[in-house]
């Protein structure tokens, strides 16, 4: 608005409108990307939960697996 009348200053009003439009577009993009990110996180958490359940259902220890060639790992004193 100019000091001499009540008519809006068109170039200044256009600049503000442009900024408001850009902010609205950024806000929309943030919402969309946030929703997509939450979907990906949910998928990964579901996979981790399934793996946790699978591991919890398996017998514990090397002998419980029933595989005679399964070793617990190298011993501290073994030289290779």
Protein backbone atom coordinates (compact mmCIF):
# COMPACT_ATOMS: atom_id res chain seq x y z
CA UNK A 1 0.00 0.00 0.00
CA UNK A 2 1.25 3.42 -0.83
CA UNK A 3 1.14 6.38 1.50
CA UNK A 4 -1.02 8.47 -0.89
CA UNK A 5 -3.95 6.08 -1.36
CA UNK A 6 -5.44 2.81 -0.14
CA UNK A 7 -4.81 0.88 -3.36
CA UNK A 8 -2.47 -2.10 -2.92
CA UNK A 9 1.02 -1.78 -4.26
CA UNK A 10 0.81 -4.39 -7.01
CA UNK A 11 4.50 -5.32 -7.39
CA UNK A 12 4.95 -5.68 -3.63
CA UNK A 13 1.70 -7.62 -3.32
CA UNK A 14 2.78 -9.87 -6.19
CA UNK A 15 6.10 -10.57 -4.45
CA UNK A 16 4.35 -11.49 -1.20
CA UNK A 17 1.89 -13.69 -3.04
CA UNK A 18 4.77 -15.41 -4.83
CA UNK A 19 6.49 -16.05 -1.49
CA UNK A 20 3.30 -17.40 0.05
CA UNK A 21 2.76 -19.69 -2.93
CA UNK A 22 6.31 -21.00 -2.71
CA UNK A 23 5.95 -21.61 1.03
CA UNK A 24 2.73 -23.52 0.44
CA UNK A 25 4.48 -25.64 -2.21
CA UNK A 26 7.38 -26.37 0.16
CA UNK A 27 4.95 -27.30 2.92
CA UNK A 28 3.14 -29.70 0.58
CA UNK A 29 6.42 -31.28 -0.51
CA UNK A 30 7.47 -31.74 3.11
CA UNK A 31 4.17 -33.45 3.90
CA UNK A 32 4.49 -35.77 0.88
CA UNK A 33 8.09 -36.69 1.62
CA UNK A 34 7.32 -37.15 5.31
CA UNK A 35 4.49 -39.52 4.47
CA UNK A 36 6.71 -41.47 2.07
CA UNK A 37 9.49 -41.63 4.66
CA UNK A 38 7.13 -42.94 7.32
CA UNK A 39 5.96 -45.62 4.91
CA UNK A 40 9.53 -46.75 4.27
CA UNK A 41 10.28 -46.76 8.00
CA UNK A 42 7.16 -48.82 8.68
CA UNK A 43 8.28 -51.34 6.06
CA UNK A 44 11.76 -51.64 7.57
CA UNK A 45 10.40 -51.92 11.10
CA UNK A 46 8.05 -54.69 9.97
CA UNK A 47 11.02 -56.55 8.46
CA UNK A 48 13.03 -56.14 11.64
CA UNK A 49 10.09 -57.37 13.70
CA UNK A 50 9.73 -60.42 11.45
CA UNK A 51 13.46 -61.15 11.79
CA UNK A 52 13.25 -60.73 15.56
CA UNK A 53 10.36 -63.19 15.73
CA UNK A 54 12.19 -65.63 13.47
CA UNK A 55 15.32 -65.47 15.60
CA UNK A 56 13.31 -65.81 18.81
CA UNK A 57 11.68 -68.97 17.45
CA UNK A 58 15.00 -70.64 16.60
CA UNK A 59 16.72 -72.89 19.12
CA UNK A 60 19.64 -71.30 20.95
CA UNK A 61 23.26 -72.42 20.78
CA UNK A 62 25.36 -74.27 18.19
CA UNK A 63 24.25 -77.77 19.29
CA UNK A 64 20.58 -76.86 19.14
CA UNK A 65 20.83 -76.15 15.41
CA UNK A 66 21.57 -79.83 14.75
CA UNK A 67 24.51 -79.13 12.50
CA UNK A 68 27.68 -81.05 13.49
CA UNK A 69 29.92 -78.79 11.38
CA UNK A 70 28.76 -75.62 13.05
CA UNK A 71 31.47 -74.05 15.21
CA UNK A 72 31.02 -71.36 17.84
CA UNK A 73 34.03 -69.46 16.45
CA UNK A 74 37.79 -69.52 16.78
CA UNK A 75 39.10 -70.19 20.26
CA UNK A 76 41.39 -67.66 21.90
CA UNK A 77 44.38 -70.01 21.89
CA UNK A 78 44.04 -71.39 18.39
CA UNK A 79 46.73 -70.43 15.87
CA UNK A 80 45.86 -70.44 12.20
